[in-house]
Protein backbone atom coordinates (compact mmCIF):
# COMPACT_ATOMS: atom_id res chain seq x y z
CA MET A 1 -178.71 -34.44 -64.74
CA THR A 2 -182.25 -33.13 -65.23
CA GLY A 3 -184.81 -33.78 -62.51
CA LYS A 4 -187.84 -36.05 -62.44
CA ILE A 5 -190.53 -35.74 -65.12
CA SER A 6 -193.85 -37.45 -65.76
CA LEU A 7 -195.83 -38.83 -68.69
CA ASP A 8 -197.89 -35.65 -68.80
CA SER A 9 -194.77 -33.44 -69.04
CA TYR A 10 -195.45 -32.99 -72.74
CA ARG A 11 -192.85 -31.98 -75.31
CA LEU A 12 -193.05 -30.53 -78.80
CA LEU A 13 -192.32 -33.08 -81.52
CA GLY A 14 -189.48 -31.63 -83.58
CA ARG A 15 -190.39 -28.53 -85.56
CA SER A 16 -194.12 -29.23 -85.17
CA GLY A 17 -196.52 -27.88 -82.57
CA LEU A 18 -197.65 -31.41 -81.65
CA ARG A 19 -197.43 -32.18 -77.92
CA VAL A 20 -196.29 -35.69 -76.97
CA SER A 21 -195.30 -37.56 -73.81
CA PRO A 22 -191.62 -38.12 -72.92
CA LEU A 23 -192.13 -41.89 -73.23
CA ALA A 24 -193.89 -43.36 -76.26
CA LEU A 25 -195.78 -46.63 -75.90
CA GLY A 26 -194.45 -49.12 -78.43
CA THR A 27 -196.93 -51.78 -79.55
CA MET A 28 -194.76 -54.22 -81.49
CA THR A 29 -195.45 -56.48 -78.49
CA PHE A 30 -199.23 -56.27 -79.03
CA GLY A 31 -200.30 -59.60 -80.52
CA SER A 32 -198.70 -63.03 -80.42
CA ASP A 33 -198.57 -63.70 -84.16
CA TRP A 34 -194.75 -63.60 -84.13
CA GLY A 35 -194.54 -66.17 -81.34
CA TRP A 36 -194.17 -63.73 -78.45
CA GLY A 37 -196.09 -60.71 -77.23
CA ALA A 38 -199.14 -59.60 -75.27
CA ASP A 39 -202.64 -60.84 -76.07
CA ALA A 40 -205.52 -58.38 -76.41
CA SER A 41 -206.35 -58.52 -72.70
CA ASP A 42 -202.80 -57.80 -71.53
CA ALA A 43 -202.41 -55.14 -74.24
CA ARG A 44 -205.44 -53.32 -72.80
CA LYS A 45 -203.94 -53.35 -69.31
CA ILE A 46 -200.68 -51.91 -70.65
CA PHE A 47 -202.51 -49.28 -72.71
CA ASP A 48 -204.75 -48.25 -69.81
CA ALA A 49 -201.79 -47.98 -67.43
CA TYR A 50 -200.06 -45.68 -69.91
CA VAL A 51 -202.95 -43.33 -70.73
CA ASP A 52 -204.15 -43.20 -67.11
CA ARG A 53 -200.80 -41.59 -66.25
CA GLY A 54 -201.19 -39.00 -69.00
CA GLY A 55 -199.34 -40.85 -71.76
CA ASN A 56 -200.53 -39.86 -75.22
CA PHE A 57 -197.98 -41.09 -77.79
CA ILE A 58 -198.58 -44.57 -79.28
CA ASP A 59 -196.25 -46.24 -81.81
CA THR A 60 -197.10 -49.10 -84.18
CA SER A 61 -196.59 -50.24 -87.78
CA VAL A 62 -198.74 -51.68 -90.53
CA ASN A 63 -196.78 -54.95 -90.42
CA TYR A 64 -196.30 -55.47 -86.67
CA THR A 65 -197.49 -58.95 -85.66
CA GLU A 66 -198.99 -59.37 -89.14
CA GLY A 67 -201.34 -56.43 -88.57
CA ALA A 68 -202.57 -57.61 -85.17
CA SER A 69 -200.81 -54.73 -83.41
CA GLU A 70 -202.83 -52.13 -85.33
CA ARG A 71 -206.08 -54.09 -84.98
CA ILE A 72 -205.66 -54.41 -81.21
CA LEU A 73 -204.67 -50.76 -80.93
CA GLY A 74 -207.67 -49.75 -83.01
CA GLU A 75 -209.97 -51.28 -80.40
CA LEU A 76 -208.05 -49.67 -77.53
CA ILE A 77 -208.20 -46.12 -78.88
CA LYS A 78 -211.91 -46.04 -79.72
CA ASP A 79 -212.80 -44.14 -76.54
CA GLN A 80 -209.52 -42.18 -76.43
CA ARG A 81 -209.01 -41.23 -80.07
CA GLU A 82 -208.85 -37.48 -79.59
CA ARG A 83 -206.52 -37.79 -76.59
CA VAL A 84 -203.81 -39.94 -78.18
CA VAL A 85 -201.28 -39.36 -80.94
CA VAL A 86 -201.08 -42.46 -83.12
CA ALA A 87 -197.88 -43.06 -85.10
CA THR A 88 -197.55 -45.86 -87.61
CA LYS A 89 -195.13 -46.81 -90.38
CA TYR A 90 -195.03 -48.09 -93.93
CA THR A 91 -192.25 -49.69 -96.03
CA MET A 92 -192.01 -53.30 -94.84
CA ALA A 93 -193.55 -55.96 -97.09
CA ARG A 94 -196.95 -57.26 -96.06
CA ASP A 95 -196.77 -60.12 -98.57
CA ALA A 96 -193.32 -61.65 -99.10
CA SER A 97 -194.38 -63.03 -102.48
CA ASN A 98 -195.44 -59.61 -103.83
CA ILE A 99 -192.47 -57.39 -104.76
CA ASN A 100 -194.60 -54.23 -104.61
CA SER A 101 -196.02 -54.87 -101.14
CA GLY A 102 -192.82 -53.41 -99.68
CA GLY A 103 -190.60 -50.41 -100.36
CA ASN A 104 -190.87 -46.64 -100.21
CA HIS A 105 -192.70 -46.10 -103.53
CA ARG A 106 -196.07 -44.39 -103.91
CA LEU A 107 -197.98 -47.62 -104.59
CA ASN A 108 -196.87 -49.29 -101.37
CA MET A 109 -197.30 -46.07 -99.43
CA ALA A 110 -200.92 -45.67 -100.57
CA ARG A 111 -201.81 -49.32 -99.99
CA SER A 112 -200.11 -49.40 -96.59
CA VAL A 113 -201.88 -46.26 -95.40
CA GLU A 114 -205.25 -47.64 -96.47
CA ALA A 115 -204.45 -50.88 -94.65
CA SER A 116 -203.46 -48.98 -91.50
CA LEU A 117 -206.61 -46.86 -91.57
CA ARG A 118 -208.72 -50.05 -91.79
CA GLN A 119 -206.77 -51.90 -89.11
CA LEU A 120 -206.74 -48.94 -86.74
CA ASP A 121 -210.38 -48.15 -87.61
CA THR A 122 -209.60 -44.44 -87.67
CA ASP A 123 -210.04 -41.55 -90.09
CA ARG A 124 -206.44 -40.35 -90.00
CA ILE A 125 -202.87 -41.25 -89.04
CA ASP A 126 -201.39 -38.60 -86.77
CA LEU A 127 -197.77 -39.41 -87.65
CA LEU A 128 -196.65 -41.59 -90.58
CA TYR A 129 -193.06 -42.79 -90.74
CA VAL A 130 -191.05 -44.08 -93.65
CA HIS A 131 -189.95 -47.26 -91.83
CA ALA A 132 -186.60 -47.62 -93.62
CA TRP A 133 -184.92 -46.28 -96.74
CA ASP A 134 -185.15 -48.79 -99.62
CA PHE A 135 -182.32 -47.25 -101.73
CA THR A 136 -184.42 -47.57 -104.89
CA THR A 137 -187.27 -45.02 -104.74
CA SER A 138 -186.42 -41.42 -105.64
CA PRO A 139 -186.52 -38.78 -102.88
CA ASP A 140 -188.97 -36.68 -104.93
CA GLU A 141 -191.45 -39.53 -105.19
CA VAL A 142 -191.36 -40.19 -101.45
CA MET A 143 -191.72 -36.60 -100.28
CA ARG A 144 -194.35 -35.65 -102.87
CA SER A 145 -196.38 -38.77 -102.03
CA LEU A 146 -196.20 -38.04 -98.30
CA ASP A 147 -197.29 -34.46 -98.93
CA ASP A 148 -200.25 -35.68 -101.01
CA LEU A 149 -201.40 -37.79 -98.05
CA VAL A 150 -201.15 -34.79 -95.74
CA ARG A 151 -203.11 -32.61 -98.16
CA ALA A 152 -205.76 -35.33 -98.38
CA GLY A 153 -206.09 -35.35 -94.59
CA LYS A 154 -205.22 -39.02 -94.25
CA VAL A 155 -201.90 -38.18 -92.55
CA LEU A 156 -201.17 -35.15 -90.35
CA TYR A 157 -197.37 -35.30 -89.81
CA VAL A 158 -194.54 -37.27 -91.39
CA GLY A 159 -191.33 -38.78 -90.06
CA ILE A 160 -188.64 -41.26 -91.01
CA CYS A 161 -186.75 -44.20 -89.50
CA ASN A 162 -183.57 -46.13 -90.20
CA THR A 163 -182.18 -43.93 -92.98
CA PRO A 164 -178.72 -42.36 -93.51
CA ALA A 165 -178.31 -38.77 -92.34
CA TRP A 166 -177.31 -37.51 -95.79
CA ARG A 167 -180.51 -38.87 -97.33
CA ILE A 168 -182.71 -37.40 -94.61
CA ALA A 169 -181.03 -34.02 -95.09
CA GLN A 170 -181.79 -34.26 -98.81
CA LEU A 171 -185.44 -35.16 -98.14
CA GLN A 172 -185.87 -32.30 -95.68
CA THR A 173 -184.28 -29.83 -98.10
CA LEU A 174 -186.65 -30.95 -100.87
CA ALA A 175 -189.64 -30.45 -98.58
CA ASP A 176 -188.50 -26.98 -97.56
CA LEU A 177 -187.72 -25.85 -101.10
CA ARG A 178 -190.97 -27.12 -102.61
CA GLY A 179 -193.35 -26.30 -99.78
CA TRP A 180 -194.09 -29.94 -98.99
CA SER A 181 -194.78 -31.26 -95.50
CA PRO A 182 -191.45 -31.47 -93.63
CA LEU A 183 -190.20 -34.38 -91.60
CA VAL A 184 -190.78 -33.74 -87.89
CA ALA A 185 -189.64 -37.02 -86.32
CA LEU A 186 -186.72 -39.41 -86.60
CA GLN A 187 -186.98 -42.90 -85.14
CA ILE A 188 -183.63 -44.66 -84.82
CA GLU A 189 -182.00 -47.32 -82.72
CA TYR A 190 -180.35 -45.63 -79.76
CA SER A 191 -179.18 -47.09 -76.48
CA LEU A 192 -176.08 -47.67 -74.41
CA VAL A 193 -175.20 -50.50 -76.82
CA GLU A 194 -175.89 -48.43 -79.98
CA ARG A 195 -174.36 -44.96 -79.89
CA THR A 196 -172.95 -44.60 -83.40
CA VAL A 197 -176.05 -42.56 -84.30
CA GLU A 198 -174.52 -39.73 -82.22
CA TYR A 199 -172.03 -39.04 -85.03
CA GLU A 200 -174.35 -37.89 -87.81
CA LEU A 201 -178.02 -38.73 -87.31
CA MET A 202 -178.67 -37.00 -83.99
CA PRO A 203 -176.84 -33.72 -84.78
CA MET A 204 -178.60 -33.68 -88.15
CA ALA A 205 -181.96 -34.14 -86.44
CA ARG A 206 -181.40 -31.19 -84.10
CA GLU A 207 -180.29 -28.91 -86.93
CA LEU A 208 -183.17 -29.81 -89.25
CA GLY A 209 -186.01 -29.91 -86.72
CA LEU A 210 -186.64 -33.62 -86.26
CA GLY A 211 -187.43 -34.92 -82.79
CA VAL A 212 -185.57 -38.16 -82.07
CA LEU A 213 -187.51 -41.21 -80.88
CA PRO A 214 -185.11 -44.02 -79.89
CA TRP A 215 -186.26 -47.55 -80.53
CA SER A 216 -184.83 -50.43 -78.50
CA PRO A 217 -183.54 -48.17 -75.69
CA LEU A 218 -182.79 -51.34 -73.69
CA GLY A 219 -180.73 -52.92 -76.45
CA GLY A 220 -183.40 -55.54 -77.03
CA GLY A 221 -183.34 -56.49 -73.36
CA ILE A 222 -179.57 -56.87 -73.09
CA LEU A 223 -179.34 -53.97 -70.64
CA THR A 224 -181.90 -55.58 -68.34
CA GLY A 225 -179.46 -58.36 -67.47
CA LYS A 226 -181.60 -61.13 -68.98
CA TYR A 227 -178.70 -62.47 -71.07
CA SER A 228 -175.39 -63.95 -69.92
CA ARG A 229 -172.04 -64.74 -71.55
CA ALA A 230 -173.47 -68.13 -72.47
CA ASP A 231 -175.99 -66.35 -74.74
CA VAL A 232 -173.38 -64.55 -76.88
CA SER A 233 -174.28 -65.13 -80.54
CA ASP A 234 -173.36 -63.85 -84.00
CA GLU A 235 -176.52 -65.13 -85.68
CA ASN A 236 -177.11 -63.28 -88.93
CA SER A 237 -179.98 -65.02 -90.70
CA ALA A 238 -182.27 -63.23 -93.14
CA ASP A 239 -185.24 -65.15 -91.73
CA VAL A 240 -187.07 -63.58 -88.80
CA PRO A 241 -186.07 -65.76 -85.80
CA ALA A 242 -188.86 -67.45 -83.87
CA SER A 243 -187.63 -66.32 -80.46
CA ARG A 244 -187.06 -62.89 -78.94
CA LYS A 245 -183.48 -63.93 -78.20
CA GLY A 246 -183.03 -64.84 -81.85
CA VAL A 247 -184.25 -61.41 -82.91
CA ILE A 248 -181.74 -59.71 -80.60
CA ALA A 249 -178.90 -61.96 -81.72
CA SER A 250 -179.65 -61.12 -85.37
CA THR A 251 -179.09 -57.40 -84.64
CA GLY A 252 -175.45 -58.07 -83.78
CA HIS A 253 -175.69 -56.67 -80.25
CA LEU A 254 -175.58 -59.92 -78.28
CA ASN A 255 -171.83 -59.74 -77.75
CA GLN A 256 -169.23 -59.41 -75.01
CA ARG A 257 -169.07 -55.59 -75.22
CA SER A 258 -172.81 -55.21 -74.73
CA LEU A 259 -172.77 -57.51 -71.71
CA ASP A 260 -169.92 -55.48 -70.20
CA ILE A 261 -172.05 -52.33 -70.59
CA ALA A 262 -174.99 -54.17 -69.04
CA ASP A 263 -172.81 -54.91 -66.00
CA VAL A 264 -172.27 -51.17 -65.44
CA VAL A 265 -176.01 -50.58 -65.84
CA GLY A 266 -176.53 -53.17 -63.12
CA GLU A 267 -174.07 -51.38 -60.83
CA ILE A 268 -175.83 -48.03 -61.27
CA ALA A 269 -179.24 -49.63 -60.79
CA GLY A 270 -178.06 -51.14 -57.51
CA GLU A 271 -176.74 -47.81 -56.27
CA LEU A 272 -180.03 -46.06 -57.03
CA ALA A 273 -182.24 -48.98 -55.93
CA VAL A 274 -184.04 -48.93 -59.29
CA SER A 275 -184.38 -51.44 -62.11
CA ARG A 276 -181.85 -51.88 -64.89
CA SER A 277 -184.57 -51.06 -67.40
CA GLN A 278 -185.15 -47.68 -65.76
CA VAL A 279 -181.44 -46.87 -65.96
CA GLY A 280 -181.26 -47.77 -69.65
CA ILE A 281 -184.37 -45.81 -70.60
CA VAL A 282 -183.60 -42.62 -68.70
CA TRP A 283 -180.04 -42.54 -70.07
CA THR A 284 -181.42 -41.90 -73.57
CA LEU A 285 -183.32 -38.86 -72.28
CA ALA A 286 -180.02 -37.23 -71.26
CA ASN A 287 -179.39 -36.49 -74.94
CA PRO A 288 -181.04 -33.14 -75.83
CA ALA A 289 -182.06 -34.42 -79.27
CA VAL A 290 -184.28 -37.11 -77.75
CA ILE A 291 -187.99 -36.37 -77.39
CA ALA A 292 -189.29 -39.77 -76.24
CA PRO A 293 -187.81 -43.27 -76.24
CA ILE A 294 -190.12 -46.01 -77.53
CA MET A 295 -191.01 -48.24 -74.61
CA GLY A 296 -192.31 -51.74 -75.29
CA ALA A 297 -193.71 -54.21 -72.76
CA ARG A 298 -195.35 -57.63 -72.76
CA THR A 299 -196.88 -57.32 -69.27
CA VAL A 300 -198.37 -54.46 -67.28
CA ALA A 301 -195.68 -55.01 -64.63
CA GLN A 302 -192.97 -54.38 -67.23
CA ALA A 303 -194.80 -51.29 -68.45
CA GLU A 304 -195.18 -49.83 -64.97
CA ASP A 305 -191.51 -50.47 -64.25
CA ASN A 306 -190.60 -48.62 -67.45
CA PHE A 307 -192.81 -45.67 -66.48
CA GLY A 308 -190.72 -45.43 -63.32
CA ALA A 309 -187.69 -44.48 -65.42
CA LEU A 310 -189.00 -40.90 -65.41
CA ASP A 311 -188.35 -40.73 -61.66
CA VAL A 312 -184.68 -41.68 -61.96
CA VAL A 313 -182.00 -39.01 -61.63
CA PHE A 314 -178.30 -39.82 -62.15
CA SER A 315 -175.47 -38.12 -60.36
CA ASP A 316 -172.84 -36.61 -62.65
CA ASP A 317 -170.49 -39.46 -61.73
CA GLN A 318 -173.05 -42.13 -62.58
CA LEU A 319 -173.84 -40.57 -65.93
CA GLN A 320 -170.13 -40.34 -66.72
CA ARG A 321 -169.60 -44.00 -65.86
CA LEU A 322 -172.39 -45.03 -68.20
CA ASN A 323 -171.00 -42.82 -70.95
CA ASP A 324 -167.47 -44.13 -70.48
CA ALA A 325 -168.55 -47.78 -70.50
CA SER A 326 -170.50 -47.35 -73.74
CA ALA A 327 -168.24 -44.87 -75.56
CA VAL A 328 -167.50 -45.60 -79.21
CA ALA A 329 -164.37 -44.58 -81.10
CA PRO A 330 -164.66 -41.32 -83.08
CA ILE A 331 -164.95 -41.49 -86.86
CA PHE A 332 -163.79 -39.24 -89.69
CA PRO A 333 -164.07 -36.28 -90.08
CA GLY A 334 -164.75 -35.67 -86.39
CA ARG A 335 -161.81 -37.86 -85.42
CA PHE A 336 -159.47 -35.68 -87.51
CA ILE A 337 -161.00 -32.24 -86.89
CA GLY A 338 -161.12 -32.82 -83.15
CA ARG A 339 -157.36 -33.40 -82.87
CA PRO A 340 -155.30 -30.55 -81.33
CA MET A 341 -153.24 -30.07 -84.51
CA ALA A 342 -156.33 -29.62 -86.71
CA GLN A 343 -157.97 -27.32 -84.16
CA GLN A 344 -154.91 -25.07 -84.11
CA LEU A 345 -154.75 -25.03 -87.91
CA ILE A 346 -158.40 -23.89 -88.02
CA PHE A 347 -158.49 -21.44 -85.11
CA GLY A 348 -154.84 -20.63 -84.51
CA THR A 349 -154.01 -20.15 -80.84
CA GLY A 350 -157.28 -18.31 -80.14
CA HIS A 351 -160.58 -19.67 -78.91
CA VAL A 352 -164.09 -19.18 -80.31
CA ALA A 353 -166.67 -19.22 -77.52
CA GLY A 354 -169.91 -21.11 -78.14
CA ARG A 355 -168.93 -22.72 -81.45
CA ARG A 356 -170.99 -25.77 -82.40
């Protein structure tokens, strides 16, 4: 596996020329308005520890901790604004009683961006994500509206999160055909407990020029060993749970399979004398589509431990054991096309070198 890297080993973000660190600092943990998270003082310590090591890629959202995340971040970046790349998101409702305060439509996009600019106290958003596809707004409206924001200078680059691969491909094609700003980043859940994105989303991202930013690379903390078999839950409430454990349970990952994977992570961590968190984070970087996993922390000690992931190097055997423990069953059409019979029907008895 690739050797050690550092926070100032910058990478290009997708098809853009923007240079970003190989770990992004997630700030959903900035603010305690959701019942857990870092206060402003601890957030500053985490932020300083990150930028002092050369980190320059900060991730937030207009709705994180009821806006506190952006407000805290706005204070933190005042003296560093030209050295950091600030990414935020719109889509999620900021007022549950107002139907138009959420969604992908132009009205919510415009209002959300204005709210983010105020909360961050900045003149522009470096990277704006569509936070999730709402399955109601037309692709033309979304991409044209994003392009208008770029032309106005309020947004510099655009990306997308939590959207089917076929829809993203459609959006990117529209942008290319009409000369609108293309998508350069894709933020998706990706970890040893969530690998189904390897089927469609990650290959699509590589082909269409979107850098992948995994969120929850530690499976919501499951890979750190903080949960046991007694914590297994199938909670599926629409209400945002009050506890961090409740949030993780609502994702559907707090199950026996995930805990079995976490056991293997623990074995590898012991062999390398590193933390489980470091093993989980650096595993995501083994995928060539990944630019930077989103790393969240509630304390500076957690943040510094996560930074140490960039020093971890797996042996081929260790990487294979992690891959085997977390492997997911193939799906159609890959499941069918990959079978020997189908391969022979397509290629005969010959072999095509370097086919994708």
